[in-house]
Amino acid sequence: MRVDDLTYPEHGATKAELPPGYHHLERRAKIGSGRAAFERGAAALMAWEMQRASGLKVTADGPVRPGQKVVSKLAPGITAPCRVVYVIDEPTRRGFGYGTLPGHPESGEEAFLIDIDDAADVWFTVRAFTHPGNTLAKLVGPVGRVAQQLMTARYISAMRRLSAG
């Protein structure tokens, strides 16, 4: 897997303690219940459907896999290229983390995880560490954080719909 083109050094850090020096985001929400909801949500997540259902135009060559490049169009003229850093594929947990590539307005990593607990509740988690990756992102400062919070809320809403079937 190529990681030499990522714009930050802490590759894979969304799997553990988030590194200092970045803005941290972590949201966990119940999105459904039952094994069928988990499987539907996991399949959608790993096929980039969460991003598409959240209003992003996603360009990726197939389902999520380590090393894969994906580009999301955030707004006219603003794209967000990323590379998948890791994939989690376990019986009760699925997801991935991807990191920013040159040209992304931010620098850092974001992870998406769906899991099912012993009570059959299905949970979705978004974890990220970021800081501005270009001059425009630095200038908009707090507006970028608000946009990240809004996008996270859209991801959660999309995962609720996708898990419901």
Protein backbone atom coordinates (compact mmCIF):
# COMPACT_ATOMS: atom_id res chain seq x y z
CA MET A 1 0.00 0.00 0.00
CA ARG A 2 1.23 3.50 -0.84
CA VAL A 3 1.27 5.87 2.10
CA ASP A 4 4.13 8.08 0.96
CA ASP A 5 1.66 10.48 -0.68
CA LEU A 6 -0.49 11.05 2.42
CA THR A 7 -0.32 14.60 3.78
CA TYR A 8 0.23 13.66 7.45
CA PRO A 9 2.62 11.26 9.23
CA GLU A 10 0.30 9.46 11.72
CA HIS A 11 -1.06 6.84 9.30
CA GLY A 12 -3.71 4.62 10.90
CA ALA A 13 -4.00 6.68 14.09
CA THR A 14 -7.82 6.72 13.97
CA LYS A 15 -7.66 3.10 15.21
CA ALA A 16 -6.27 4.21 18.58
CA GLU A 17 -5.64 7.42 20.50
CA LEU A 18 -5.96 10.42 18.21
CA PRO A 19 -2.68 12.32 17.86
CA PRO A 20 -2.09 15.73 19.44
CA GLY A 21 -1.84 18.86 17.34
CA TYR A 22 -5.04 18.30 15.36
CA HIS A 23 -8.72 19.03 15.72
CA HIS A 24 -10.38 15.82 16.94
CA LEU A 25 -13.86 14.61 16.06
CA GLU A 26 -15.62 11.55 17.42
CA ARG A 27 -19.31 10.77 17.09
CA ARG A 28 -21.06 7.49 17.84
CA ALA A 29 -24.74 6.93 17.15
CA LYS A 30 -27.16 4.04 17.21
CA ILE A 31 -28.39 3.48 13.66
CA GLY A 32 -30.53 0.36 13.99
CA SER A 33 -30.83 -3.08 15.48
CA GLY A 34 -30.44 -6.64 14.32
CA ARG A 35 -27.98 -8.55 12.18
CA ALA A 36 -29.76 -7.62 8.93
CA ALA A 37 -29.39 -3.90 9.71
CA PHE A 38 -25.70 -4.43 10.47
CA GLU A 39 -25.12 -6.31 7.20
CA ARG A 40 -27.03 -3.73 5.12
CA GLY A 41 -25.14 -0.86 6.74
CA ALA A 42 -21.76 -2.57 6.40
CA ALA A 43 -22.36 -3.37 2.73
CA ALA A 44 -23.38 0.23 2.02
CA LEU A 45 -20.42 1.64 3.93
CA MET A 46 -17.92 -0.53 2.08
CA ALA A 47 -19.43 0.41 -1.31
CA TRP A 48 -19.10 4.21 -0.76
CA GLU A 49 -22.89 4.52 -0.49
CA MET A 50 -22.70 6.49 2.76
CA GLN A 51 -20.84 9.33 1.04
CA ARG A 52 -23.16 9.27 -1.97
CA ALA A 53 -26.28 9.21 0.23
CA SER A 54 -24.81 12.22 2.08
CA GLY A 55 -24.73 14.25 -1.13
CA LEU A 56 -21.12 13.76 -2.21
CA LYS A 57 -20.09 12.74 -5.70
CA VAL A 58 -17.59 9.92 -5.15
CA THR A 59 -15.10 8.58 -7.66
CA ALA A 60 -13.57 5.23 -6.67
CA ASP A 61 -12.68 2.12 -8.62
CA GLY A 62 -14.77 -0.42 -6.77
CA PRO A 63 -15.54 -1.16 -3.13
CA VAL A 64 -13.34 -0.01 -0.25
CA ARG A 65 -9.93 -1.72 -0.09
CA PRO A 66 -6.55 -0.84 1.45
CA GLY A 67 -4.47 1.51 -0.68
CA GLN A 68 -7.43 2.59 -2.81
CA LYS A 69 -7.66 6.21 -3.92
CA VAL A 70 -11.06 7.91 -3.68
CA VAL A 71 -12.02 11.45 -4.63
CA SER A 72 -15.11 13.16 -3.25
CA LYS A 73 -16.49 16.33 -4.77
CA LEU A 74 -17.42 18.61 -1.87
CA ALA A 75 -18.65 21.61 -3.86
CA PRO A 76 -18.09 23.06 -7.32
CA GLY A 77 -14.33 23.26 -7.75
CA ILE A 78 -13.54 21.64 -4.38
CA THR A 79 -12.45 18.01 -4.32
CA ALA A 80 -11.18 15.85 -1.47
CA PRO A 81 -8.73 13.15 -2.59
CA CYS A 82 -8.03 10.43 -0.02
CA ARG A 83 -6.37 7.03 0.23
CA VAL A 84 -7.75 4.11 2.24
CA VAL A 85 -5.20 3.44 5.00
CA TYR A 86 -6.83 0.38 6.60
CA VAL A 87 -9.93 -1.80 6.47
CA ILE A 88 -11.65 -3.58 9.37
CA ASP A 89 -13.56 -6.73 8.39
CA GLU A 90 -14.64 -8.68 11.46
CA PRO A 91 -17.87 -10.54 12.29
CA THR A 92 -19.16 -7.70 14.49
CA ARG A 93 -17.16 -4.70 13.15
CA ARG A 94 -16.59 -3.34 9.67
CA GLY A 95 -15.19 -0.11 8.39
CA PHE A 96 -12.17 1.76 7.20
CA GLY A 97 -9.94 4.74 7.69
CA TYR A 98 -8.74 7.00 4.93
CA GLY A 99 -6.19 9.76 4.85
CA THR A 100 -5.85 12.98 2.93
CA LEU A 101 -3.83 13.32 -0.24
CA PRO A 102 -2.36 16.49 -1.80
CA GLY A 103 -5.19 18.72 -3.02
CA HIS A 104 -7.51 17.95 -0.08
CA PRO A 105 -8.52 21.11 1.83
CA GLU A 106 -7.71 19.38 5.14
CA SER A 107 -4.81 17.25 6.31
CA GLY A 108 -5.46 14.20 8.47
CA GLU A 109 -7.46 11.01 8.69
CA GLU A 110 -11.09 10.00 9.07
CA ALA A 111 -12.48 6.59 10.01
CA PHE A 112 -15.94 5.07 9.70
CA LEU A 113 -16.93 2.01 11.72
CA ILE A 114 -20.17 0.07 12.00
CA ASP A 115 -20.52 -2.48 14.78
CA ILE A 116 -23.16 -4.65 16.39
CA ASP A 117 -23.16 -5.26 20.14
CA ASP A 118 -24.36 -8.21 22.24
CA ALA A 119 -27.86 -6.67 22.47
CA ALA A 120 -27.95 -6.56 18.62
CA ASP A 121 -27.86 -2.75 18.59
CA VAL A 122 -26.08 -1.40 15.52
CA TRP A 123 -23.74 1.53 16.04
CA PHE A 124 -21.94 3.85 13.66
CA THR A 125 -18.81 5.77 14.65
CA VAL A 126 -16.94 8.56 12.89
CA ARG A 127 -13.45 9.45 14.19
CA ALA A 128 -11.14 12.03 12.70
CA PHE A 129 -8.11 14.16 13.30
CA THR A 130 -7.54 17.09 10.97
CA HIS A 131 -6.03 20.50 10.53
CA PRO A 132 -6.20 22.90 7.59
CA GLY A 133 -4.37 21.55 4.58
CA ASN A 134 -4.30 24.68 2.44
CA THR A 135 -4.57 28.47 2.69
CA LEU A 136 -8.31 28.55 2.02
CA ALA A 137 -8.97 26.03 4.81
CA LYS A 138 -6.83 28.13 7.17
CA LEU A 139 -8.75 31.27 6.26
CA VAL A 140 -12.19 29.74 6.83
CA GLY A 141 -11.00 28.23 10.14
CA PRO A 142 -14.06 27.63 12.36
CA VAL A 143 -16.36 27.44 9.32
CA GLY A 144 -14.46 24.32 8.26
CA ARG A 145 -15.11 22.71 11.65
CA VAL A 146 -18.81 23.51 11.38
CA ALA A 147 -18.84 21.99 7.89
CA GLN A 148 -17.15 18.86 9.27
CA GLN A 149 -19.78 18.58 12.03
CA LEU A 150 -22.59 19.00 9.49
CA MET A 151 -21.08 16.38 7.19
CA THR A 152 -20.75 13.97 10.11
CA ALA A 153 -24.44 14.47 10.91
CA ARG A 154 -25.25 13.74 7.25
CA TYR A 155 -23.15 10.56 7.39
CA ILE A 156 -25.04 9.36 10.47
CA SER A 157 -28.40 10.13 8.89
CA ALA A 158 -27.37 8.33 5.69
CA MET A 159 -26.23 5.27 7.63
CA ARG A 160 -29.56 5.13 9.46
CA ARG A 161 -31.40 5.10 6.13
CA LEU A 162 -29.02 2.63 4.49
CA SER A 163 -29.14 0.23 7.43
CA ALA A 164 -32.92 0.29 7.49
CA GLY A 165 -33.05 -1.14 4.00
